[in-house]
């Protein structure tokens, strides 16, 4: 079985789920925050989705 690199998976997720869609979903559910983070929220959402694959 061939392993898929994590960067490839994240790029595919970012292509499949646009940043704007994630931002809108977070705003709709009042999950957006004003804090500064190491990683932007849309990247964290993509990481969580990738963990479930």
PDB file of N, CA and C in Angstrom:
ATOM      1  N   UNK A   1       0.846  -1.169   0.000  1.00  0.00           N
ATOM      2  CA  UNK A   1       0.000   0.000   0.000  1.00  0.00           C
ATOM      3  C   UNK A   1       0.899   1.243   0.000  1.00  0.00           C
ATOM      4  N   UNK A   2       0.594   2.198  -0.844  1.00  0.00           N
ATOM      5  CA  UNK A   2       1.353   3.436  -0.924  1.00  0.00           C
ATOM      6  C   UNK A   2       0.805   4.461   0.058  1.00  0.00           C
ATOM      7  N   UNK A   3       1.696   5.108   0.781  1.00  0.00           N
ATOM      8  CA  UNK A   3       1.282   6.161   1.718  1.00  0.00           C
ATOM      9  C   UNK A   3       1.108   7.465   0.947  1.00  0.00           C
ATOM     10  N   UNK A   4       0.119   8.235   1.360  1.00  0.00           N
ATOM     11  CA  UNK A   4      -0.118   9.542   0.759  1.00  0.00           C
ATOM     12  C   UNK A   4       0.454  10.582   1.709  1.00  0.00           C
ATOM     13  N   UNK A   5       1.236  11.490   1.184  1.00  0.00           N
ATOM     14  CA  UNK A   5       1.838  12.518   2.021  1.00  0.00           C
ATOM     15  C   UNK A   5       0.772  13.469   2.556  1.00  0.00           C
ATOM     16  N   UNK A   6       0.967  13.918   3.784  1.00  0.00           N
ATOM     17  CA  UNK A   6      -0.018  14.791   4.426  1.00  0.00           C
ATOM     18  C   UNK A   6      -0.222  16.092   3.655  1.00  0.00           C
ATOM     19  N   UNK A   7       0.832  16.631   3.079  1.00  0.00           N
ATOM     20  CA  UNK A   7       0.704  17.863   2.303  1.00  0.00           C
ATOM     21  C   UNK A   7      -0.210  17.698   1.102  1.00  0.00           C
ATOM     22  N   UNK A   8      -0.152  16.535   0.485  1.00  0.00           N
ATOM     23  CA  UNK A   8      -1.006  16.242  -0.660  1.00  0.00           C
ATOM     24  C   UNK A   8      -2.471  16.197  -0.233  1.00  0.00           C
ATOM     25  N   UNK A   9      -2.733  15.572   0.904  1.00  0.00           N
ATOM     26  CA  UNK A   9      -4.101  15.473   1.410  1.00  0.00           C
ATOM     27  C   UNK A   9      -4.643  16.861   1.751  1.00  0.00           C
ATOM     28  N   UNK A  10      -3.845  17.673   2.423  1.00  0.00           N
ATOM     29  CA  UNK A  10      -4.299  19.017   2.790  1.00  0.00           C
ATOM     30  C   UNK A  10      -4.574  19.876   1.565  1.00  0.00           C
ATOM     31  N   UNK A  11      -3.727  19.791   0.560  1.00  0.00           N
ATOM     32  CA  UNK A  11      -3.964  20.554  -0.667  1.00  0.00           C
ATOM     33  C   UNK A  11      -5.248  20.103  -1.355  1.00  0.00           C
ATOM     34  N   UNK A  12      -5.477  18.794  -1.358  1.00  0.00           N
ATOM     35  CA  UNK A  12      -6.708  18.265  -1.959  1.00  0.00           C
ATOM     36  C   UNK A  12      -7.932  18.743  -1.190  1.00  0.00           C
ATOM     37  N   UNK A  13      -7.867  18.735   0.139  1.00  0.00           N
ATOM     38  CA  UNK A  13      -8.988  19.215   0.949  1.00  0.00           C
ATOM     39  C   UNK A  13      -9.241  20.699   0.735  1.00  0.00           C
ATOM     40  N   UNK A  14      -8.182  21.486   0.669  1.00  0.00           N
ATOM     41  CA  UNK A  14      -8.344  22.920   0.439  1.00  0.00           C
ATOM     42  C   UNK A  14      -8.952  23.201  -0.932  1.00  0.00           C
ATOM     43  N   UNK A  15      -8.674  22.329  -1.895  1.00  0.00           N
ATOM     44  CA  UNK A  15      -9.266  22.479  -3.221  1.00  0.00           C
ATOM     45  C   UNK A  15     -10.737  22.068  -3.192  1.00  0.00           C
ATOM     46  N   UNK A  16     -11.030  20.977  -2.493  1.00  0.00           N
ATOM     47  CA  UNK A  16     -12.396  20.458  -2.440  1.00  0.00           C
ATOM     48  C   UNK A  16     -13.312  21.319  -1.580  1.00  0.00           C
ATOM     49  N   UNK A  17     -12.761  21.892  -0.505  1.00  0.00           N
ATOM     50  CA  UNK A  17     -13.558  22.713   0.410  1.00  0.00           C
ATOM     51  C   UNK A  17     -12.925  24.100   0.455  1.00  0.00           C
ATOM     52  N   UNK A  18     -13.485  25.045  -0.272  1.00  0.00           N
ATOM     53  CA  UNK A  18     -12.891  26.392  -0.332  1.00  0.00           C
ATOM     54  C   UNK A  18     -12.843  27.071   1.041  1.00  0.00           C
ATOM     55  N   UNK A  19     -11.816  27.872   1.238  1.00  0.00           N
ATOM     56  CA  UNK A  19     -11.636  28.615   2.487  1.00  0.00           C
ATOM     57  C   UNK A  19     -12.890  29.430   2.817  1.00  0.00           C
ATOM     58  N   UNK A  20     -13.518  29.996   1.816  1.00  0.00           N
ATOM     59  CA  UNK A  20     -14.706  30.817   2.036  1.00  0.00           C
ATOM     60  C   UNK A  20     -15.859  29.995   2.606  1.00  0.00           C
ATOM     61  N   UNK A  21     -15.999  28.743   2.150  1.00  0.00           N
ATOM     62  CA  UNK A  21     -17.058  27.871   2.658  1.00  0.00           C
ATOM     63  C   UNK A  21     -16.825  27.537   4.127  1.00  0.00           C
ATOM     64  N   UNK A  22     -15.579  27.290   4.482  1.00  0.00           N
ATOM     65  CA  UNK A  22     -15.249  27.003   5.878  1.00  0.00           C
ATOM     66  C   UNK A  22     -15.497  28.234   6.735  1.00  0.00           C
ATOM     67  N   UNK A  23     -15.055  29.389   6.267  1.00  0.00           N
ATOM     68  CA  UNK A  23     -15.260  30.640   7.013  1.00  0.00           C
ATOM     69  C   UNK A  23     -16.744  30.920   7.216  1.00  0.00           C
ATOM     70  N   UNK A  24     -17.548  30.684   6.180  1.00  0.00           N
ATOM     71  CA  UNK A  24     -18.997  30.908   6.284  1.00  0.00           C
ATOM     72  C   UNK A  24     -19.625  29.941   7.282  1.00  0.00           C
ATOM     73  N   UNK A  25     -19.226  28.676   7.245  1.00  0.00           N
ATOM     74  CA  UNK A  25     -19.764  27.691   8.183  1.00  0.00           C
ATOM     75  C   UNK A  25     -19.395  28.046   9.619  1.00  0.00           C
ATOM     76  N   UNK A  26     -18.173  28.517   9.820  1.00  0.00           N
ATOM     77  CA  UNK A  26     -17.758  28.916  11.162  1.00  0.00           C
ATOM     78  C   UNK A  26     -18.528  30.139  11.639  1.00  0.00           C
ATOM     79  N   UNK A  27     -18.777  31.076  10.756  1.00  0.00           N
ATOM     80  CA  UNK A  27     -19.557  32.265  11.116  1.00  0.00           C
ATOM     81  C   UNK A  27     -21.007  31.886  11.411  1.00  0.00           C
ATOM     82  N   UNK A  28     -21.575  30.997  10.603  1.00  0.00           N
ATOM     83  CA  UNK A  28     -22.965  30.563  10.794  1.00  0.00           C
ATOM     84  C   UNK A  28     -23.169  29.849  12.133  1.00  0.00           C
ATOM     85  N   UNK A  29     -22.131  29.155  12.603  1.00  0.00           N
ATOM     86  CA  UNK A  29     -22.236  28.414  13.862  1.00  0.00           C
ATOM     87  C   UNK A  29     -21.596  29.173  15.026  1.00  0.00           C
ATOM     88  N   UNK A  30     -21.244  30.428  14.777  1.00  0.00           N
ATOM     89  CA  UNK A  30     -20.621  31.292  15.801  1.00  0.00           C
ATOM     90  C   UNK A  30     -19.349  30.665  16.366  1.00  0.00           C
ATOM     91  N   UNK A  31     -18.584  30.004  15.503  1.00  0.00           N
ATOM     92  CA  UNK A  31     -17.344  29.347  15.908  1.00  0.00           C
ATOM     93  C   UNK A  31     -16.112  30.167  15.568  1.00  0.00           C
ATOM     94  N   UNK A  32     -16.311  31.315  14.945  1.00  0.00           N
ATOM     95  CA  UNK A  32     -15.162  32.135  14.576  1.00  0.00           C
ATOM     96  C   UNK A  32     -14.706  32.940  15.794  1.00  0.00           C
ATOM     97  N   UNK A  33     -13.418  33.097  15.920  1.00  0.00           N
ATOM     98  CA  UNK A  33     -12.822  33.814  17.043  1.00  0.00           C
ATOM     99  C   UNK A  33     -11.884  34.890  16.514  1.00  0.00           C
ATOM    100  N   UNK A  34     -11.596  35.844  17.366  1.00  0.00           N
ATOM    101  CA  UNK A  34     -10.712  36.950  16.992  1.00  0.00           C
ATOM    102  C   UNK A  34      -9.260  36.704  17.405  1.00  0.00           C
ATOM    103  N   UNK A  35      -8.972  35.567  18.031  1.00  0.00           N
ATOM    104  CA  UNK A  35      -7.619  35.311  18.509  1.00  0.00           C
ATOM    105  C   UNK A  35      -6.652  35.063  17.359  1.00  0.00           C
ATOM    106  N   UNK A  36      -5.394  35.374  17.599  1.00  0.00           N
ATOM    107  CA  UNK A  36      -4.341  35.041  16.637  1.00  0.00           C
ATOM    108  C   UNK A  36      -3.853  33.636  16.949  1.00  0.00           C
ATOM    109  N   UNK A  37      -3.746  32.810  15.929  1.00  0.00           N
ATOM    110  CA  UNK A  37      -3.309  31.435  16.098  1.00  0.00           C
ATOM    111  C   UNK A  37      -2.137  31.152  15.178  1.00  0.00           C
ATOM    112  N   UNK A  38      -1.433  30.083  15.507  1.00  0.00           N
ATOM    113  CA  UNK A  38      -0.315  29.670  14.664  1.00  0.00           C
ATOM    114  C   UNK A  38      -0.823  29.262  13.288  1.00  0.00           C
ATOM    115  N   UNK A  39      -1.943  28.520  13.254  1.00  0.00           N
ATOM    116  CA  UNK A  39      -2.545  28.087  12.005  1.00  0.00           C
ATOM    117  C   UNK A  39      -3.917  28.734  11.858  1.00  0.00           C
ATOM    118  N   UNK A  40      -4.253  29.188  10.663  1.00  0.00           N
ATOM    119  CA  UNK A  40      -5.589  29.751  10.441  1.00  0.00           C
ATOM    120  C   UNK A  40      -6.676  28.692  10.650  1.00  0.00           C
ATOM    121  N   UNK A  41      -7.865  29.142  10.995  1.00  0.00           N
ATOM    122  CA  UNK A  41      -8.979  28.240  11.295  1.00  0.00           C
ATOM    123  C   UNK A  41      -9.288  27.290  10.143  1.00  0.00           C
ATOM    124  N   UNK A  42      -9.235  27.775   8.891  1.00  0.00           N
ATOM    125  CA  UNK A  42      -9.575  26.891   7.772  1.00  0.00           C
ATOM    126  C   UNK A  42      -8.578  25.737   7.645  1.00  0.00           C
ATOM    127  N   UNK A  43      -7.333  25.950   8.032  1.00  0.00           N
ATOM    128  CA  UNK A  43      -6.340  24.868   8.002  1.00  0.00           C
ATOM    129  C   UNK A  43      -6.661  23.839   9.088  1.00  0.00           C
ATOM    130  N   UNK A  44      -7.054  24.308  10.265  1.00  0.00           N
ATOM    131  CA  UNK A  44      -7.414  23.398  11.352  1.00  0.00           C
ATOM    132  C   UNK A  44      -8.616  22.547  10.959  1.00  0.00           C
ATOM    133  N   UNK A  45      -9.607  23.160  10.325  1.00  0.00           N
ATOM    134  CA  UNK A  45     -10.778  22.395   9.873  1.00  0.00           C
ATOM    135  C   UNK A  45     -10.345  21.328   8.871  1.00  0.00           C
ATOM    136  N   UNK A  46      -9.488  21.676   7.938  1.00  0.00           N
ATOM    137  CA  UNK A  46      -8.988  20.691   6.964  1.00  0.00           C
ATOM    138  C   UNK A  46      -8.227  19.562   7.664  1.00  0.00           C
ATOM    139  N   UNK A  47      -7.441  19.886   8.680  1.00  0.00           N
ATOM    140  CA  UNK A  47      -6.710  18.863   9.425  1.00  0.00           C
ATOM    141  C   UNK A  47      -7.666  17.904  10.135  1.00  0.00           C
ATOM    142  N   UNK A  48      -8.717  18.448  10.736  1.00  0.00           N
ATOM    143  CA  UNK A  48      -9.698  17.608  11.418  1.00  0.00           C
ATOM    144  C   UNK A  48     -10.398  16.683  10.424  1.00  0.00           C
ATOM    145  N   UNK A  49     -10.753  17.228   9.277  1.00  0.00           N
ATOM    146  CA  UNK A  49     -11.387  16.391   8.240  1.00  0.00           C
ATOM    147  C   UNK A  49     -10.424  15.300   7.784  1.00  0.00           C
ATOM    148  N   UNK A  50      -9.165  15.661   7.585  1.00  0.00           N
ATOM    149  CA  UNK A  50      -8.160  14.684   7.143  1.00  0.00           C
ATOM    150  C   UNK A  50      -7.972  13.577   8.170  1.00  0.00           C
ATOM    151  N   UNK A  51      -8.054  13.901   9.452  1.00  0.00           N
ATOM    152  CA  UNK A  51      -7.900  12.880  10.487  1.00  0.00           C
ATOM    153  C   UNK A  51      -9.020  11.847  10.444  1.00  0.00           C
ATOM    154  N   UNK A  52     -10.180  12.253   9.923  1.00  0.00           N
ATOM    155  CA  UNK A  52     -11.325  11.350   9.857  1.00  0.00           C
ATOM    156  C   UNK A  52     -11.341  10.504   8.581  1.00  0.00           C
ATOM    157  N   UNK A  53     -10.435  10.764   7.667  1.00  0.00           N
ATOM    158  CA  UNK A  53     -10.398   9.989   6.418  1.00  0.00           C
ATOM    159  C   UNK A  53      -9.778   8.628   6.629  1.00  0.00           C
TER     160      UNK A  53
END
